[in-house]
Amino acid sequence: MTSSLLFLRLVLALAALLFVLWGAFVLKISIDTVVWNSVFFFINLGQAIRIIYAMRPVKFEPIFQRVYDHFFIPGRYHLSPAEFEALIKRGGAIVTQVKNGEYYVQAGSKFSQLSLAISGSFEVLQSSPDNNDQVINELASFEFLDSPEYTLRSDKPAFSVCIRATSDCTIVSWPVEHLVPTLSANPHLEFVFHAVIAGDITKKLFSTNSVKLHNKSLKREGSVINVIKRSAATTRAQLVHAPFQPQETELVTYPAPNQVDDSKQVPFLMSVQVVPNDSAN
């Protein structure tokens, strides 16, 4: 696509140049023809130079090259090297080390940066009524640590969970005050980056229930579908300040398969809201 645009700009620039020469030598200095096509020549030449500059080979540091190869190569969420370079430099990307056992964030903290795990692993902890931390999710390499909080970012405390490293980790962080303006200035970059964030959140939703809970009291309760606990808790904190009041919802806990009595049928309840169709009247 980029090469086709470059070809188009070069052809248009060449056509404008020929019109300039025609107006200068054949029409004996036709001022309107020369000036008008000179403007078109310089516009298309400038666009061609911009495209060539964007197509230049760009080398990244090894850690950023891994991020680019994982997310943004053609066939996935495609970004040009120049766009990814803008995401790194203008977005203020920072590489940080988190040691085993250290907390990346504590519950009640404000959201200030979006972080991506490059190596190592983390566990997401939520406090229980008996003040014991429960593991509700595990995060591995190339997963965002705080993508749910990014989608609901505000100046108020956002984190309802703690995130702790379970090994020595390397993360890349984007401060929000640099990341958001960078994305807003490039619609394509913003679209692709938010698509990556959406895929990460979807992965979290489907993977949370597969976490092995080591707390015996949790095992007695059965397998819990916690897929929206973290986002729901954050959402509740944000919706307090929203201009509308959402309907009350409930998180459902399902028993583990080995705890279901086969002699009893477990009903499945569904709530259906019927909306009248005014157009039928």
Protein backbone atom coordinates (compact mmCIF):
# COMPACT_ATOMS: atom_id res chain seq x y z
CA MET A 1 0.00 0.00 0.00
CA THR A 2 2.78 2.44 0.91
CA SER A 3 4.72 1.66 -2.24
CA SER A 4 1.59 2.25 -4.34
CA LEU A 5 1.08 5.67 -2.74
CA LEU A 6 4.72 6.50 -3.41
CA PHE A 7 4.33 5.54 -7.06
CA LEU A 8 1.18 7.67 -7.33
CA ARG A 9 2.88 10.72 -5.82
CA LEU A 10 5.90 10.39 -8.11
CA VAL A 11 3.70 10.08 -11.21
CA LEU A 12 1.65 13.13 -10.19
CA ALA A 13 4.82 15.12 -9.51
CA LEU A 14 6.23 14.14 -12.91
CA ALA A 15 2.96 15.10 -14.65
CA ALA A 16 2.94 18.49 -12.91
CA LEU A 17 6.57 19.06 -13.91
CA LEU A 18 5.78 18.31 -17.56
CA PHE A 19 2.91 20.80 -17.45
CA VAL A 20 5.31 23.41 -16.03
CA LEU A 21 7.75 22.81 -18.88
CA TRP A 22 4.90 22.89 -21.42
CA GLY A 23 3.61 26.17 -20.04
CA ALA A 24 7.09 27.70 -19.95
CA PHE A 25 8.43 26.69 -23.36
CA VAL A 26 5.45 25.79 -25.58
CA LEU A 27 3.00 28.43 -24.38
CA LYS A 28 5.77 31.03 -24.07
CA ILE A 29 5.56 31.55 -20.28
CA SER A 30 1.89 30.97 -19.48
CA ILE A 31 1.99 32.27 -15.92
CA ASP A 32 -1.21 30.62 -14.68
CA THR A 33 -0.20 27.20 -16.07
CA VAL A 34 3.34 27.43 -14.69
CA VAL A 35 2.32 28.63 -11.23
CA TRP A 36 -0.62 26.24 -10.80
CA ASN A 37 1.33 23.14 -11.81
CA SER A 38 4.40 24.24 -9.86
CA VAL A 39 2.26 24.17 -6.73
CA PHE A 40 1.07 20.64 -7.57
CA PHE A 41 4.64 19.57 -8.31
CA PHE A 42 5.97 20.67 -4.93
CA ILE A 43 2.99 19.25 -3.03
CA ASN A 44 3.37 15.79 -4.56
CA LEU A 45 7.15 15.89 -4.31
CA GLY A 46 6.88 16.72 -0.61
CA GLN A 47 4.44 13.85 -0.03
CA ALA A 48 6.74 11.46 -1.89
CA ILE A 49 9.67 12.52 0.31
CA ARG A 50 7.53 11.98 3.42
CA ILE A 51 6.58 8.47 2.28
CA ILE A 52 10.20 7.60 1.49
CA TYR A 53 11.21 8.83 4.95
CA ALA A 54 8.51 6.68 6.56
CA MET A 55 9.75 3.63 4.59
CA ARG A 56 13.33 4.02 5.79
CA PRO A 57 14.82 1.11 7.77
CA VAL A 58 14.36 1.72 11.50
CA LYS A 59 16.40 -0.14 14.09
CA PHE A 60 15.12 -0.58 17.62
CA GLU A 61 16.73 -1.66 20.83
CA PRO A 62 16.46 -5.46 21.27
CA ILE A 63 13.72 -5.19 23.89
CA PHE A 64 11.56 -2.93 21.69
CA GLN A 65 12.27 -5.11 18.68
CA ARG A 66 10.75 -8.03 20.59
CA VAL A 67 7.61 -6.00 21.24
CA TYR A 68 7.35 -5.01 17.57
CA ASP A 69 7.88 -8.57 16.34
CA HIS A 70 5.30 -9.92 18.78
CA PHE A 71 2.45 -7.47 18.14
CA PHE A 72 2.94 -5.35 15.05
CA ILE A 73 4.43 -7.42 12.23
CA PRO A 74 2.32 -7.81 9.05
CA GLY A 75 -0.30 -10.49 9.55
CA ARG A 76 -1.11 -9.25 13.05
CA TYR A 77 -1.73 -5.66 14.09
CA HIS A 78 0.38 -4.01 11.43
CA LEU A 79 2.29 -0.84 12.29
CA SER A 80 5.02 0.67 10.20
CA PRO A 81 8.44 0.93 11.89
CA ALA A 82 8.09 4.73 11.83
CA GLU A 83 4.76 4.56 13.70
CA PHE A 84 6.20 2.19 16.27
CA GLU A 85 9.18 4.51 16.67
CA ALA A 86 6.74 7.33 17.46
CA LEU A 87 5.01 5.11 20.01
CA ILE A 88 8.34 4.52 21.73
CA LYS A 89 9.89 7.98 21.59
CA ARG A 90 6.91 10.32 21.74
CA GLY A 91 5.03 7.94 24.00
CA GLY A 92 7.90 8.07 26.48
CA ALA A 93 8.45 4.31 26.76
CA ILE A 94 10.55 3.35 29.80
CA VAL A 95 12.19 -0.01 30.54
CA THR A 96 11.99 -1.05 34.21
CA GLN A 97 13.13 -4.05 36.22
CA VAL A 98 10.87 -5.57 38.89
CA LYS A 99 12.47 -8.08 41.25
CA ASN A 100 10.87 -11.27 42.48
CA GLY A 101 8.41 -10.52 45.30
CA GLU A 102 8.19 -6.80 44.60
CA TYR A 103 4.80 -5.18 44.07
CA TYR A 104 4.23 -3.45 40.78
CA VAL A 105 1.19 -1.71 42.23
CA GLN A 106 -0.85 -1.75 45.43
CA ALA A 107 -4.63 -1.65 45.76
CA GLY A 108 -5.92 1.90 45.94
CA SER A 109 -3.13 3.35 43.80
CA LYS A 110 -3.83 5.82 41.04
CA PHE A 111 -3.33 4.75 37.46
CA SER A 112 -0.46 6.71 35.89
CA GLN A 113 1.19 4.42 33.34
CA LEU A 114 0.45 1.46 31.10
CA SER A 115 2.94 -1.38 31.45
CA LEU A 116 3.72 -4.44 29.34
CA ALA A 117 5.55 -7.45 30.76
CA ILE A 118 8.47 -8.43 28.54
CA SER A 119 9.89 -11.24 30.68
CA GLY A 120 8.97 -12.88 33.96
CA SER A 121 5.55 -13.37 35.49
CA PHE A 122 3.17 -11.60 37.87
CA GLU A 123 0.21 -12.59 40.01
CA VAL A 124 -2.89 -10.49 40.60
CA LEU A 125 -4.02 -10.48 44.22
CA GLN A 126 -7.30 -9.41 45.76
CA SER A 127 -7.96 -9.07 49.47
CA SER A 128 -10.61 -11.33 50.98
CA PRO A 129 -12.82 -10.59 54.02
CA ASP A 130 -10.38 -12.54 56.24
CA ASN A 131 -7.52 -10.25 55.04
CA ASN A 132 -5.86 -13.02 53.03
CA ASP A 133 -4.70 -12.21 49.53
CA GLN A 134 -6.37 -14.35 46.89
CA VAL A 135 -4.74 -15.02 43.54
CA ILE A 136 -7.33 -14.21 40.89
CA ASN A 137 -5.08 -14.15 37.83
CA GLU A 138 -1.54 -14.72 36.60
CA LEU A 139 0.22 -12.58 34.00
CA ALA A 140 3.00 -13.79 31.72
CA SER A 141 5.28 -12.24 29.11
CA PHE A 142 3.73 -9.88 26.56
CA GLU A 143 0.66 -9.25 28.69
CA PHE A 144 -0.30 -5.78 29.85
CA LEU A 145 -0.32 -5.44 33.62
CA ASP A 146 -2.99 -2.77 33.84
CA SER A 147 -5.01 -2.78 30.62
CA PRO A 148 -8.38 -2.81 32.49
CA GLU A 149 -7.34 0.31 34.39
CA TYR A 150 -6.16 1.96 31.17
CA THR A 151 -9.62 1.68 29.63
CA LEU A 152 -11.15 3.31 32.73
CA ARG A 153 -8.38 5.77 33.52
CA SER A 154 -9.07 8.76 35.73
CA ASP A 155 -7.36 10.85 38.41
CA LYS A 156 -9.08 8.90 41.17
CA PRO A 157 -7.74 5.66 42.69
CA ALA A 158 -8.23 2.95 40.07
CA PHE A 159 -6.57 -0.24 41.30
CA SER A 160 -8.74 -2.63 43.29
CA VAL A 161 -6.04 -5.33 43.23
CA CYS A 162 -2.34 -5.77 43.95
CA ILE A 163 0.09 -6.97 41.28
CA ARG A 164 3.21 -8.77 42.52
CA ALA A 165 6.15 -10.21 40.62
CA THR A 166 6.68 -13.95 41.00
CA SER A 167 10.08 -13.81 39.28
CA ASP A 168 12.58 -11.21 38.14
CA CYS A 169 10.71 -9.25 35.48
CA THR A 170 11.34 -6.68 32.78
CA ILE A 171 8.52 -4.33 31.83
CA VAL A 172 8.01 -1.49 29.36
CA SER A 173 5.87 1.38 30.65
CA TRP A 174 4.20 4.29 28.88
CA PRO A 175 3.29 7.30 31.06
CA VAL A 176 -0.30 8.28 30.33
CA GLU A 177 0.52 11.97 29.95
CA HIS A 178 2.77 11.09 26.98
CA LEU A 179 0.93 8.06 25.59
CA VAL A 180 -2.55 9.57 25.17
CA PRO A 181 -1.43 12.66 23.15
CA THR A 182 0.78 10.45 20.98
CA LEU A 183 -2.13 8.17 20.13
CA SER A 184 -4.50 11.07 19.55
CA ALA A 185 -2.09 12.60 17.02
CA ASN A 186 -2.07 9.41 14.90
CA PRO A 187 -5.51 7.82 14.33
CA HIS A 188 -4.09 4.65 12.77
CA LEU A 189 -1.65 4.15 15.64
CA GLU A 190 -4.46 4.76 18.13
CA PHE A 191 -6.74 2.24 16.40
CA VAL A 192 -4.08 -0.49 16.29
CA PHE A 193 -2.87 0.10 19.85
CA HIS A 194 -6.40 0.00 21.26
CA ALA A 195 -7.03 -3.20 19.29
CA VAL A 196 -4.02 -4.73 21.06
CA ILE A 197 -5.38 -3.55 24.42
CA ALA A 198 -8.80 -5.04 23.64
CA GLY A 199 -7.21 -8.38 22.74
CA ASP A 200 -5.24 -8.35 25.99
CA ILE A 201 -8.36 -7.70 28.09
CA THR A 202 -10.22 -10.47 26.26
CA LYS A 203 -7.38 -12.86 27.02
CA LYS A 204 -7.56 -11.91 30.70
CA LEU A 205 -11.30 -12.54 30.78
CA PHE A 206 -10.93 -16.08 29.45
CA SER A 207 -7.78 -17.02 31.37
CA THR A 208 -8.71 -15.96 34.90
CA ASN A 209 -10.88 -19.00 35.59
CA SER A 210 -8.00 -21.34 34.73
CA VAL A 211 -5.78 -20.02 37.53
CA LYS A 212 -4.97 -22.63 40.15
CA LEU A 213 -6.11 -21.25 43.50
CA HIS A 214 -3.86 -22.54 46.27
CA ASN A 215 -5.94 -21.22 49.15
CA LYS A 216 -7.76 -24.19 50.70
CA SER A 217 -10.77 -22.13 51.67
CA LEU A 218 -11.15 -21.13 48.04
CA LYS A 219 -10.90 -24.73 46.94
CA ARG A 220 -13.77 -25.62 49.24
CA GLU A 221 -15.88 -22.94 47.64
CA GLY A 222 -15.26 -24.41 44.22
CA SER A 223 -14.00 -23.05 40.95
CA VAL A 224 -14.86 -19.37 40.68
CA ILE A 225 -15.42 -17.53 37.44
CA ASN A 226 -13.50 -14.38 38.34
CA VAL A 227 -13.13 -13.19 34.79
CA ILE A 228 -14.69 -9.80 35.48
CA LYS A 229 -13.87 -9.32 39.16
CA ARG A 230 -10.98 -7.01 38.56
CA SER A 231 -12.61 -4.91 35.85
CA ALA A 232 -15.95 -4.91 37.67
CA ALA A 233 -14.41 -3.66 40.90
CA THR A 234 -12.62 -0.93 39.01
CA THR A 235 -15.76 -0.09 37.07
CA ARG A 236 -17.80 0.27 40.25
CA ALA A 237 -15.27 2.76 41.59
CA GLN A 238 -15.45 4.75 38.35
CA LEU A 239 -19.22 4.64 37.95
CA VAL A 240 -19.72 6.42 41.25
CA HIS A 241 -18.71 9.57 39.41
CA ALA A 242 -20.52 8.77 36.16
CA PRO A 243 -23.45 10.91 34.95
CA PHE A 244 -25.76 7.90 34.99
CA GLN A 245 -26.59 5.11 37.43
CA PRO A 246 -26.12 1.60 36.00
CA GLN A 247 -28.40 -1.26 36.91
CA GLU A 248 -27.19 -3.41 39.76
CA THR A 249 -25.37 -6.54 38.62
CA GLU A 250 -24.18 -9.62 40.44
CA LEU A 251 -21.05 -11.72 40.08
CA VAL A 252 -22.05 -15.38 39.94
CA THR A 253 -20.01 -18.15 41.56
CA TYR A 254 -20.32 -21.57 39.99
CA PRO A 255 -19.39 -24.79 41.81
CA ALA A 256 -16.49 -26.88 40.57
CA PRO A 257 -17.45 -29.91 38.43
CA ASN A 258 -16.35 -32.38 41.13
CA GLN A 259 -18.57 -30.65 43.70
CA VAL A 260 -21.86 -30.93 41.79
CA ASP A 261 -24.26 -33.59 43.02
CA ASP A 262 -25.23 -35.61 39.94
CA SER A 263 -28.54 -36.51 41.57
CA LYS A 264 -29.59 -32.88 41.48
CA GLN A 265 -30.11 -30.75 38.49
CA VAL A 266 -28.50 -27.33 38.63
CA PRO A 267 -30.83 -24.79 37.07
CA PHE A 268 -29.45 -22.20 34.67
CA LEU A 269 -31.17 -18.88 35.05
CA MET A 270 -31.28 -16.20 32.42
CA SER A 271 -32.66 -12.72 32.80
CA VAL A 272 -34.18 -11.34 29.61
CA GLN A 273 -35.23 -7.72 29.20
CA VAL A 274 -37.83 -7.12 26.50
CA VAL A 275 -37.66 -3.72 24.86
CA PRO A 276 -40.85 -2.66 23.04
CA ASN A 277 -40.46 -1.74 19.41
CA ASP A 278 -42.03 1.68 18.93
CA SER A 279 -41.86 1.36 15.15
CA ALA A 280 -44.44 -1.42 15.25
CA ASN A 281 -47.13 0.96 16.47
